[in-house]
Amino acid sequence: MARSQGTRLIAQNRKAYHDYFIEETYEAGLVLTGTEIKSIRKGSVSLRDAYARVDEGEVYIYNMHIAPYEQGNRFNHDPLRPRKCLLHKKEINHLYGAVRQRGVTLVPTKVYIKDGWAKVELALAKGKKLYDKREAAKERDANREIQRALRARMRGE
């Protein structure tokens, strides 16, 4: 089967954008089994409670749910198994140094297919406080009102 060109978004972790300030993002490949990639291409991925850690010089994603492939047989994969991320050594060392700081964590934000390969976007993130979330919601609502007013003005109402 020929690999398709371009990028196709499979799953996005919207809760991460709500709960964290995203500082930096990294693109990483994923080490997967045959039924996992088939299930990802079908779109059966959830990043809801997923997080990443640097263990012994390698980055792993935990709690990323990839549903078992329907046509898979008894060799189907475990949906919540830890999955290894493929990054350069320099990037791993940078992530390890950043995650050791207090309040910084590594969160997967997107899973997508790029040129036929499954990729994950990892973000260095700092947790938001409750008042930060409220402020972000107010700002979002204000922008929505401004856009609504501009559209009404453009229509001549």
Protein backbone atom coordinates (compact mmCIF):
# COMPACT_ATOMS: atom_id res chain seq x y z
CA MET A 1 0.00 0.00 0.00
CA ALA A 2 1.43 3.40 -0.98
CA ARG A 3 1.92 5.95 1.76
CA SER A 4 -0.31 8.97 1.51
CA GLN A 5 1.37 12.37 1.53
CA GLY A 6 0.41 15.13 3.96
CA THR A 7 -0.83 15.26 7.52
CA ARG A 8 -4.10 13.91 8.93
CA LEU A 9 -5.12 14.72 12.51
CA ILE A 10 -6.39 11.64 14.36
CA ALA A 11 -6.88 12.81 17.96
CA GLN A 12 -6.39 16.01 19.93
CA ASN A 13 -6.08 16.52 23.69
CA ARG A 14 -8.27 19.60 24.17
CA LYS A 15 -8.20 19.19 27.94
CA ALA A 16 -4.43 19.76 27.89
CA TYR A 17 -4.94 23.22 26.37
CA HIS A 18 -7.53 23.94 29.06
CA ASP A 19 -5.51 22.66 32.02
CA TYR A 20 -1.98 23.74 31.03
CA PHE A 21 0.04 26.60 29.59
CA ILE A 22 1.77 25.03 26.58
CA GLU A 23 5.38 26.25 26.40
CA GLU A 24 7.12 24.11 23.75
CA THR A 25 6.02 21.31 21.44
CA TYR A 26 7.97 18.40 19.96
CA GLU A 27 7.07 15.95 17.22
CA ALA A 28 7.87 12.33 18.04
CA GLY A 29 7.36 9.04 16.27
CA LEU A 30 5.62 6.15 18.00
CA VAL A 31 6.72 2.52 18.34
CA LEU A 32 3.54 0.54 17.57
CA THR A 33 2.42 -2.99 16.78
CA GLY A 34 0.51 -3.92 13.62
CA THR A 35 -2.99 -3.79 15.10
CA GLU A 36 -2.24 -0.49 16.86
CA ILE A 37 -1.41 1.39 13.66
CA LYS A 38 -4.51 -0.02 11.99
CA SER A 39 -6.63 1.15 14.89
CA ILE A 40 -4.99 4.61 14.82
CA ARG A 41 -5.64 4.97 11.09
CA LYS A 42 -9.29 4.15 11.86
CA GLY A 43 -9.31 6.97 14.45
CA SER A 44 -9.76 4.93 17.63
CA VAL A 45 -7.40 6.91 19.89
CA SER A 46 -8.01 8.81 23.12
CA LEU A 47 -5.52 11.14 24.80
CA ARG A 48 -7.80 12.09 27.70
CA ASP A 49 -5.65 10.98 30.66
CA ALA A 50 -2.40 10.48 28.76
CA TYR A 51 0.95 11.74 30.00
CA ALA A 52 4.58 11.18 29.08
CA ARG A 53 7.70 10.52 31.17
CA VAL A 54 11.41 10.22 30.57
CA ASP A 55 12.52 6.80 31.87
CA GLU A 56 16.17 5.71 31.58
CA GLY A 57 16.91 8.03 28.68
CA GLU A 58 13.77 7.16 26.71
CA VAL A 59 10.36 8.86 26.51
CA TYR A 60 7.23 6.78 27.09
CA ILE A 61 3.56 7.72 26.83
CA TYR A 62 1.25 6.26 29.48
CA ASN A 63 -2.56 5.93 29.49
CA MET A 64 -2.95 6.69 25.78
CA HIS A 65 -5.91 4.51 24.85
CA ILE A 66 -5.78 2.86 21.43
CA ALA A 67 -8.87 0.69 20.99
CA PRO A 68 -8.29 -2.94 20.00
CA TYR A 69 -8.55 -3.49 16.24
CA GLU A 70 -11.87 -5.13 15.38
CA GLN A 71 -10.43 -7.49 12.76
CA GLY A 72 -7.48 -8.30 15.02
CA ASN A 73 -7.23 -11.84 16.34
CA ARG A 74 -5.88 -13.14 19.63
CA PHE A 75 -2.64 -11.19 19.02
CA ASN A 76 -4.46 -7.89 19.48
CA HIS A 77 -2.67 -5.27 21.59
CA ASP A 78 -3.29 -4.07 25.16
CA PRO A 79 -5.18 -0.73 24.80
CA LEU A 80 -3.32 1.11 27.61
CA ARG A 81 0.22 -0.26 27.32
CA PRO A 82 3.11 2.24 27.60
CA ARG A 83 4.32 3.32 24.17
CA LYS A 84 7.84 4.41 23.35
CA CYS A 85 8.37 7.76 21.61
CA LEU A 86 11.11 8.22 19.04
CA LEU A 87 13.08 11.42 19.65
CA HIS A 88 16.67 12.55 19.16
CA LYS A 89 18.97 12.20 22.19
CA LYS A 90 19.39 16.00 22.43
CA GLU A 91 15.61 16.46 22.55
CA ILE A 92 15.26 13.76 25.23
CA ASN A 93 17.96 15.40 27.35
CA HIS A 94 16.27 18.80 26.97
CA LEU A 95 12.90 17.32 27.96
CA TYR A 96 14.44 15.55 30.95
CA GLY A 97 16.02 18.79 32.18
CA ALA A 98 12.76 20.71 31.73
CA VAL A 99 10.56 18.08 33.42
CA ARG A 100 12.82 18.02 36.50
CA GLN A 101 11.73 21.63 37.17
CA ARG A 102 8.85 22.03 39.56
CA GLY A 103 5.46 22.40 37.90
CA VAL A 104 6.51 21.38 34.37
CA THR A 105 5.10 18.22 32.84
CA LEU A 106 5.16 16.42 29.50
CA VAL A 107 1.73 16.07 27.88
CA PRO A 108 0.74 14.55 24.50
CA THR A 109 -1.45 17.07 22.67
CA LYS A 110 -2.06 15.51 19.23
CA VAL A 111 -1.82 12.20 17.41
CA TYR A 112 -1.64 12.41 13.63
CA ILE A 113 -0.50 10.55 10.54
CA LYS A 114 2.30 12.33 8.64
CA ASP A 115 3.43 10.85 5.33
CA GLY A 116 2.10 7.46 6.43
CA TRP A 117 3.82 7.44 9.84
CA ALA A 118 2.04 7.80 13.20
CA LYS A 119 3.33 10.84 15.10
CA VAL A 120 2.53 12.37 18.46
CA GLU A 121 2.98 15.99 19.47
CA LEU A 122 4.44 16.25 22.97
CA ALA A 123 4.24 19.55 24.85
CA LEU A 124 6.15 20.91 27.80
CA ALA A 125 3.37 22.36 29.93
CA LYS A 126 2.84 24.20 33.21
CA GLY A 127 -0.37 23.67 35.15
CA LYS A 128 -2.97 26.44 35.22
CA LYS A 129 -4.52 27.63 38.44
CA LEU A 130 -8.29 27.99 38.71
CA TYR A 131 -8.14 31.77 38.30
CA ASP A 132 -6.07 31.32 35.10
CA LYS A 133 -8.80 29.08 33.68
CA ARG A 134 -11.46 31.65 34.56
CA GLU A 135 -9.41 34.41 32.94
CA ALA A 136 -8.98 32.35 29.76
CA ALA A 137 -12.73 31.70 29.64
CA LYS A 138 -13.50 35.43 30.03
CA GLU A 139 -11.05 36.28 27.28
CA ARG A 140 -12.55 33.64 24.97
CA ASP A 141 -16.07 34.95 25.63
CA ALA A 142 -14.99 38.56 24.99
CA ASN A 143 -13.38 37.59 21.68
CA ARG A 144 -16.53 35.71 20.70
CA GLU A 145 -18.66 38.80 21.44
CA ILE A 146 -16.32 41.01 19.40
CA GLN A 147 -16.51 38.64 16.44
CA ARG A 148 -20.30 38.50 16.72
CA ALA A 149 -20.52 42.30 16.73
CA LEU A 150 -18.19 42.58 13.73
CA ARG A 151 -20.20 40.06 11.74
CA ALA A 152 -23.43 41.90 12.56
CA ARG A 153 -21.86 45.20 11.52
CA MET A 154 -20.60 43.71 8.24
CA ARG A 155 -24.12 42.51 7.43
CA GLY A 156 -25.44 46.00 8.04
CA GLU A 157 -27.66 45.29 11.03
